[in-house]
Protein backbone atom coordinates (compact mmCIF):
# COMPACT_ATOMS: atom_id res chain seq x y z
CA MET A 1 0.05 0.10 -0.04
CA LYS A 2 0.97 3.71 -0.29
CA ALA A 3 1.45 5.65 2.87
CA TRP A 4 2.89 9.04 4.03
CA LEU A 5 5.50 8.09 6.39
CA PHE A 6 6.85 10.66 8.89
CA SER A 7 10.46 10.52 10.32
CA PRO A 8 10.90 13.35 12.77
CA GLY A 9 14.18 15.21 12.77
CA GLU A 10 15.31 13.87 9.38
CA ALA A 11 16.24 16.38 6.56
CA ALA A 12 13.39 15.08 4.40
CA PRO A 13 10.79 13.90 7.22
CA LEU A 14 7.91 13.22 4.95
CA ALA A 15 7.84 10.66 2.25
CA LEU A 16 5.17 8.67 0.24
CA VAL A 17 6.39 5.12 0.48
CA GLU A 18 5.16 1.56 -0.30
CA ARG A 19 4.49 -0.35 2.77
CA THR A 20 3.18 -3.75 3.70
CA ARG A 21 -0.45 -3.78 4.49
CA PRO A 22 -1.32 -4.08 8.09
CA THR A 23 -2.96 -7.25 9.45
CA ALA A 24 -5.79 -7.45 11.80
CA ARG A 25 -4.26 -8.08 15.29
CA PRO A 26 -6.62 -9.24 18.12
CA GLY A 27 -9.07 -6.47 19.17
CA SER A 28 -8.44 -4.51 15.99
CA VAL A 29 -9.84 -3.89 12.50
CA VAL A 30 -8.19 -2.91 9.27
CA VAL A 31 -9.90 -0.19 7.30
CA ARG A 32 -9.34 0.59 3.59
CA VAL A 33 -9.25 4.34 3.71
CA HIS A 34 -11.20 6.34 1.24
CA ALA A 35 -10.83 10.04 2.49
CA VAL A 36 -8.93 11.78 5.14
CA PRO A 37 -9.46 15.44 6.42
CA LEU A 38 -6.39 17.45 7.25
CA LEU A 39 -5.65 19.53 10.37
CA SER A 40 -4.77 23.18 9.49
CA TYR A 41 -1.51 23.04 11.31
CA LEU A 42 -0.32 19.66 9.73
CA GLY A 43 2.34 21.42 7.51
CA ASP A 44 3.82 23.10 10.61
CA TYR A 45 3.80 19.85 12.49
CA VAL A 46 5.72 18.07 9.63
CA ARG A 47 8.24 20.72 9.39
CA GLY A 48 9.02 20.54 13.08
CA GLY A 49 7.71 24.04 14.05
CA LEU A 50 5.49 22.40 16.63
CA ALA A 51 7.79 19.74 17.93
CA ARG A 52 7.95 20.92 21.54
CA HIS A 53 4.21 20.56 21.95
CA TYR A 54 4.18 16.83 20.70
CA GLN A 55 5.29 13.44 21.71
CA TYR A 56 6.26 11.04 18.76
CA PRO A 57 6.54 7.21 18.68
CA ASP A 58 9.89 5.57 18.87
CA GLN A 59 9.78 4.79 15.25
CA PRO A 60 8.91 6.44 12.04
CA PHE A 61 5.07 6.46 11.62
CA VAL A 62 2.15 7.30 9.36
CA ILE A 63 0.71 10.70 9.85
CA GLY A 64 -3.06 11.59 9.61
CA THR A 65 -5.76 11.61 12.18
CA ASN A 66 -9.44 11.12 11.12
CA GLY A 67 -10.67 9.19 8.05
CA VAL A 68 -13.47 7.26 6.47
CA GLY A 69 -13.51 3.99 4.73
CA VAL A 70 -14.70 0.42 4.68
CA ILE A 71 -13.42 -2.40 7.02
CA GLU A 72 -11.20 -4.74 5.22
CA ALA A 73 -10.65 -7.35 7.93
CA VAL A 74 -11.33 -7.86 11.60
CA GLY A 75 -9.15 -9.34 14.23
CA GLU A 76 -9.79 -12.15 16.80
CA GLY A 77 -12.15 -11.07 19.50
CA VAL A 78 -14.05 -8.37 17.54
CA HIS A 79 -17.63 -9.24 17.77
CA HIS A 80 -19.50 -6.09 16.31
CA TYR A 81 -17.75 -5.05 13.12
CA ARG A 82 -17.65 -6.88 9.83
CA PRO A 83 -15.75 -6.67 6.54
CA GLY A 84 -17.49 -4.36 3.94
CA GLN A 85 -18.83 -2.09 6.72
CA ALA A 86 -18.44 1.62 6.16
CA VAL A 87 -16.95 3.48 9.28
CA LEU A 88 -15.53 6.70 10.46
CA VAL A 89 -12.24 6.27 12.18
CA HIS A 90 -10.56 8.78 14.67
CA PRO A 91 -7.17 9.09 16.27
CA TYR A 92 -8.28 9.16 20.01
CA VAL A 93 -7.22 5.92 21.54
CA VAL A 94 -7.74 5.22 25.28
CA ALA A 95 -6.27 2.28 27.03
CA THR A 96 -8.97 -0.12 28.11
CA GLU A 97 -7.48 -1.14 31.58
CA ASN A 98 -9.78 -0.68 34.52
CA VAL A 99 -7.49 2.03 36.06
CA GLU A 100 -8.10 5.52 37.37
CA ASP A 101 -6.19 7.41 34.73
CA PRO A 102 -5.94 5.40 31.53
CA ALA A 103 -3.24 6.36 28.95
CA GLU A 104 -4.44 8.39 25.88
CA VAL A 105 -3.01 9.03 22.43
CA LEU A 106 -3.92 10.55 19.21
CA SER A 107 -2.51 8.00 16.60
CA GLY A 108 -0.81 9.52 13.81
CA LEU A 109 -0.22 12.75 15.87
CA THR A 110 1.08 12.60 19.51
CA GLY A 111 0.97 11.02 22.86
CA THR A 112 -0.39 12.97 25.86
CA GLY A 113 2.41 12.52 28.30
CA PRO A 114 5.02 10.00 29.60
CA HIS A 115 2.45 7.59 30.81
CA SER A 116 1.17 7.06 27.07
CA THR A 117 4.52 6.03 25.55
CA GLY A 118 3.52 2.51 25.45
CA LEU A 119 0.10 2.96 24.00
CA LEU A 120 1.56 5.29 21.41
CA ASN A 121 4.20 2.77 20.21
CA ASP A 122 1.31 -0.03 20.09
CA TRP A 123 -0.77 2.37 17.82
CA PRO A 124 1.59 4.72 16.05
CA ASP A 125 -0.06 5.00 12.59
CA GLY A 126 -2.61 7.41 11.29
CA SER A 127 -4.97 7.45 8.45
CA LEU A 128 -2.83 8.94 5.63
CA SER A 129 -2.38 5.60 3.97
CA GLU A 130 -4.50 3.23 1.78
CA PHE A 131 -5.14 1.02 4.72
CA VAL A 132 -4.94 1.68 8.57
CA SER A 133 -5.12 -0.71 11.55
CA VAL A 134 -7.01 0.72 14.51
CA PRO A 135 -8.33 -0.78 17.87
CA ALA A 136 -11.86 -1.97 17.67
CA THR A 137 -12.88 0.73 20.05
CA VAL A 138 -12.25 3.48 17.46
CA PRO A 139 -14.57 2.75 14.36
CA VAL A 140 -18.07 4.40 14.26
CA SER A 141 -20.65 2.78 11.89
CA LEU A 142 -21.71 4.92 8.91
CA GLU A 143 -24.84 2.97 8.31
CA GLY A 144 -27.47 4.81 6.64
CA LEU A 145 -25.24 7.37 5.11
CA SER A 146 -24.18 5.72 1.89
CA HIS A 147 -25.87 8.57 0.00
CA LEU A 148 -22.99 10.96 1.04
CA PRO A 149 -19.60 10.98 -0.82
CA TRP A 150 -16.53 9.89 1.02
CA GLU A 151 -15.04 13.31 0.98
CA ARG A 152 -18.09 14.81 2.40
CA LEU A 153 -18.32 12.21 5.19
CA ALA A 154 -14.69 12.94 6.08
CA THR A 155 -15.74 16.40 7.18
CA LEU A 156 -17.17 14.91 10.17
CA ALA A 157 -13.76 15.29 11.85
CA LYS A 158 -14.49 18.99 11.87
CA PHE A 159 -17.40 18.39 14.04
CA VAL A 160 -16.64 15.56 16.42
CA VAL A 161 -14.09 17.59 18.48
CA PRO A 162 -16.48 20.52 19.28
CA PHE A 163 -19.47 18.16 19.77
CA GLY A 164 -17.73 16.40 22.49
CA GLY A 165 -17.14 19.88 24.19
CA LEU A 166 -20.83 20.96 23.73
CA ARG A 167 -22.15 17.81 25.21
CA ARG A 168 -19.65 18.07 28.16
CA GLY A 169 -21.02 21.52 28.69
CA ARG A 170 -24.58 20.05 28.68
CA LEU A 171 -25.89 22.49 25.93
CA ALA A 172 -29.75 21.81 26.04
CA ALA A 173 -32.42 22.72 23.53
CA GLY A 174 -33.73 26.32 23.92
CA GLU A 175 -30.55 27.75 25.43
CA THR A 176 -28.28 30.59 24.33
CA VAL A 177 -24.64 29.79 23.51
CA ILE A 178 -21.68 31.96 22.80
CA VAL A 179 -18.99 30.37 20.56
CA ASN A 180 -15.71 32.21 21.15
CA GLY A 181 -13.31 31.68 18.11
CA ALA A 182 -16.15 31.06 15.81
CA SER A 183 -14.17 32.07 12.57
CA GLY A 184 -11.90 29.17 13.20
CA TYR A 185 -11.92 25.58 11.95
CA PHE A 186 -13.58 23.93 15.04
CA GLY A 187 -15.27 26.95 16.15
CA SER A 188 -17.34 27.42 13.01
CA ALA A 189 -18.41 23.82 13.33
CA ALA A 190 -19.48 24.43 16.83
CA VAL A 191 -21.83 27.22 15.57
CA LEU A 192 -23.48 24.53 13.25
CA LEU A 193 -23.61 21.92 15.97
CA ALA A 194 -25.31 24.29 18.58
CA LEU A 195 -28.02 25.00 15.99
CA ALA A 196 -28.46 21.25 15.32
CA MET A 197 -28.60 20.63 18.95
CA GLY A 198 -31.59 23.12 19.34
CA ALA A 199 -30.01 26.23 20.63
CA GLU A 200 -32.47 29.18 20.80
CA ARG A 201 -29.62 31.51 19.85
CA VAL A 202 -25.97 31.10 18.98
CA VAL A 203 -23.69 34.22 19.27
CA ALA A 204 -20.53 33.85 17.17
CA THR A 205 -17.52 35.86 18.15
CA ALA A 206 -14.23 36.85 16.50
CA ARG A 207 -11.96 39.64 15.93
CA ASN A 208 -12.47 39.72 12.30
CA THR A 209 -16.04 40.83 11.11
CA ASN A 210 -15.70 39.56 7.53
CA ALA A 211 -14.90 35.85 8.84
CA LEU A 212 -18.29 35.87 10.73
CA GLN A 213 -20.51 36.86 7.92
CA PRO A 214 -20.80 33.38 6.43
CA LEU A 215 -21.99 32.02 9.65
CA ALA A 216 -24.59 34.74 10.11
CA ALA A 217 -26.26 33.66 6.72
CA VAL A 218 -26.56 30.04 7.83
CA ASP A 219 -29.48 30.47 10.17
CA LYS A 220 -31.68 33.39 11.55
CA ARG A 221 -30.71 32.25 15.05
CA VAL A 222 -27.19 33.25 14.61
CA ARG A 223 -25.96 36.64 15.90
CA THR A 224 -22.37 37.84 15.38
CA VAL A 225 -20.09 39.99 17.63
CA ALA A 226 -16.78 41.41 16.40
CA LEU A 227 -14.72 41.61 19.58
CA SER A 228 -12.94 45.01 20.18
CA GLY A 229 -10.32 43.78 22.74
CA ASN A 230 -11.82 46.19 25.40
CA GLY A 231 -13.30 43.76 28.00
CA GLU A 232 -16.03 45.79 29.30
CA GLN A 233 -17.27 46.76 25.87
CA ASP A 234 -17.11 43.25 24.66
CA VAL A 235 -18.95 41.95 27.67
CA ALA A 236 -21.77 44.44 27.16
CA ALA A 237 -22.00 43.67 23.42
CA LEU A 238 -22.13 39.73 24.22
CA ARG A 239 -24.92 40.53 26.86
CA GLU A 240 -26.87 42.56 24.40
CA ALA A 241 -26.52 39.96 21.70
CA THR A 242 -27.63 37.20 24.18
CA SER A 243 -30.44 39.35 25.57
CA GLY A 244 -29.07 39.49 29.06
CA GLY A 245 -26.54 36.58 29.08
CA ALA A 246 -25.77 33.21 27.70
CA HIS A 247 -26.46 29.82 29.45
CA LEU A 248 -23.15 28.29 27.94
CA ALA A 249 -20.05 29.74 26.48
CA PHE A 250 -17.92 27.47 24.30
CA ASP A 251 -14.26 28.64 23.88
CA MET A 252 -12.41 27.26 20.81
CA ILE A 253 -10.01 30.13 20.37
CA GLY A 254 -6.82 28.80 18.73
CA ARG A 255 -3.30 29.72 20.06
CA ALA A 256 -4.41 32.82 21.91
CA SER A 257 -1.80 35.12 23.18
CA ASP A 258 -4.04 37.04 25.52
CA ALA A 259 -7.05 35.84 27.70
CA GLY A 260 -9.43 38.71 26.88
CA SER A 261 -11.96 37.13 24.66
CA THR A 262 -12.29 34.15 26.88
CA LEU A 263 -12.75 36.35 29.96
CA SER A 264 -15.33 38.23 28.00
CA ALA A 265 -17.34 35.25 27.12
CA LEU A 266 -17.28 34.17 30.78
CA GLY A 267 -18.39 37.68 31.94
CA ALA A 268 -21.31 37.37 29.51
CA LEU A 269 -22.78 34.21 31.10
CA ARG A 270 -25.98 34.24 33.05
CA ARG A 271 -25.95 33.06 36.60
CA ARG A 272 -25.20 29.39 36.93
CA GLY A 273 -23.78 29.60 33.36
CA ARG A 274 -20.97 27.12 32.10
CA LEU A 275 -17.81 27.88 30.32
CA VAL A 276 -16.07 25.08 28.25
CA LEU A 277 -12.48 25.44 27.42
CA MET A 278 -11.36 23.50 24.26
CA GLY A 279 -9.02 25.94 22.59
CA SER A 280 -5.48 26.73 23.21
CA MET A 281 -3.77 29.62 24.92
CA GLY A 282 -0.13 30.51 25.64
CA VAL A 283 -0.87 32.85 28.63
CA PRO A 284 -2.51 32.15 32.02
CA LEU A 285 -6.25 32.61 32.36
CA PRO A 286 -6.92 34.78 35.48
CA LEU A 287 -10.20 34.11 37.07
CA ASP A 288 -11.97 36.21 39.57
CA TYR A 289 -12.62 34.03 42.68
CA GLY A 290 -15.53 36.25 43.89
CA GLN A 291 -17.38 36.42 40.58
CA LEU A 292 -17.08 32.68 39.96
CA LEU A 293 -18.69 32.33 43.51
CA ILE A 294 -21.58 34.79 43.47
CA ASN A 295 -22.43 33.86 39.92
CA GLN A 296 -21.99 30.11 40.54
CA TRP A 297 -20.28 29.78 37.12
CA GLU A 298 -18.80 26.61 36.13
CA VAL A 299 -15.38 26.42 34.20
CA ILE A 300 -14.84 23.11 32.42
CA GLY A 301 -11.73 22.04 30.79
CA HIS A 302 -12.49 19.47 28.12
CA PHE A 303 -10.15 17.36 25.72
CA MET A 304 -11.39 15.58 22.60
CA TYR A 305 -14.67 13.45 22.79
CA SER A 306 -16.08 10.09 24.00
CA ASN A 307 -17.14 7.27 21.78
CA GLU A 308 -20.70 7.97 22.68
CA ASP A 309 -20.21 11.44 21.42
CA SER A 310 -18.98 10.29 17.95
CA ARG A 311 -22.20 7.88 17.78
CA ARG A 312 -24.51 10.76 18.77
CA LEU A 313 -22.98 13.11 16.15
CA LEU A 314 -23.76 10.58 13.42
CA GLY A 315 -27.26 10.39 14.84
CA LEU A 316 -27.62 14.12 14.22
CA LEU A 317 -26.60 13.57 10.68
CA ARG A 318 -28.94 10.67 10.06
CA ALA A 319 -31.75 12.68 11.40
CA GLY A 320 -31.19 15.54 9.05
CA LEU A 321 -30.23 18.04 11.79
CA LEU A 322 -26.73 18.60 10.62
CA ASP A 323 -26.07 19.42 6.95
CA LEU A 324 -22.40 18.64 5.84
CA GLU A 325 -23.04 20.51 2.60
CA THR A 326 -22.55 23.81 4.59
CA VAL A 327 -18.77 22.94 4.71
CA ARG A 328 -16.64 24.35 1.91
CA LEU A 329 -14.74 21.30 0.67
CA GLN A 330 -11.34 21.29 -0.97
CA ARG A 331 -10.28 17.94 -2.46
CA PHE A 332 -6.77 16.54 -3.14
CA GLY A 333 -5.37 13.07 -4.07
CA LEU A 334 -3.06 11.04 -1.79
CA ASP A 335 0.02 12.02 -3.86
CA GLU A 336 -0.89 15.71 -3.47
CA LEU A 337 -0.48 15.79 0.19
CA PRO A 338 2.24 18.69 0.21
CA GLN A 339 -0.19 20.89 -1.80
CA ALA A 340 -3.17 19.89 0.46
CA MET A 341 -1.23 20.79 3.63
CA ASP A 342 -0.56 24.29 2.15
CA ALA A 343 -4.26 24.66 1.35
CA ALA A 344 -5.24 23.39 4.81
CA ALA A 345 -2.93 26.23 6.38
CA ARG A 346 -5.04 28.75 4.59
CA MET A 347 -8.43 27.25 5.87
CA ARG A 348 -11.04 29.79 7.43
CA GLY A 349 -14.29 29.12 9.06
CA LEU A 350 -16.33 26.63 7.13
CA ASP A 351 -13.43 25.38 4.97
CA CYS A 352 -12.33 21.60 5.11
CA THR A 353 -9.51 20.18 3.23
CA VAL A 354 -9.74 16.51 2.41
CA VAL A 355 -7.32 13.95 0.76
CA GLY A 356 -9.19 11.30 -1.32
CA MET A 357 -7.81 7.94 -2.15
CA SER A 358 -7.85 6.63 -5.67
CA PRO A 359 -10.42 3.81 -6.22
């Protein structure tokens, strides 16, 4: 099979190579990959610009995170999957031992700390290959969605991360939610998800007014607020847009160099409101103890998603509550990965870059 092999630290770290197809180990499945979505920062990752933030396996590995395809083979001890079944696969692998703090990794990308080294070496390879072997805990059935093209189904990767956070934040039908960082790759998806989950109003925030306009056109329930950077003004604008305050603030701001927008979203919550943190920030987040106390605000840090989240996301799609056609799709072939990574780096808002495999 063809695969994009990554060798960190080498002069030419990324190469399209011929590799032996993986076999189905006990407790695993092998998937013939049809389409893979790209992270916006994959090019920086490959060039080593993000190396200090990531933990690599002990050997060269296939990069790539999510993907969609068809099960080719199942290993011993797999009872609920079968060859020929269309599935979504994701990189989030959690050790199955019954322990307090199981190891977690993102196959094809990184470990999450020293305790995850063994798991990362067991499951190093990602999805940018014609076949991938994954634990049987990873696939999600795409039954009932055969009418959608593979490249369109691959855009589900844009949604599963923020969906995990919105569910963790207990977003309920009829509530108002602020999405901070709504002009980003995952933030824009969070806006669509909040609508699909029945929010009465979704307030999308960003510093760039133009980036918010496509979201405002999606649904009449969407309001947009271009943040000024002045905390008091931004809190006032958000409270006005939410008619007095939000029940939930979802923070998906990426690589933030200041905490201002996150604190503004927090300050615009109603009493007993919740703030979910899923973005990234390079500075401390200063919280006012007294304000948290008197307002009974809840601040939740959340990483990734559960297997149940991925199943419920597909339920939204089958029910017609989530429209993947809203995503602006860019398509590339497997041998065009360098060009695809450049395109992914330019993604904004509702964009998604997908690598499709040849039949």
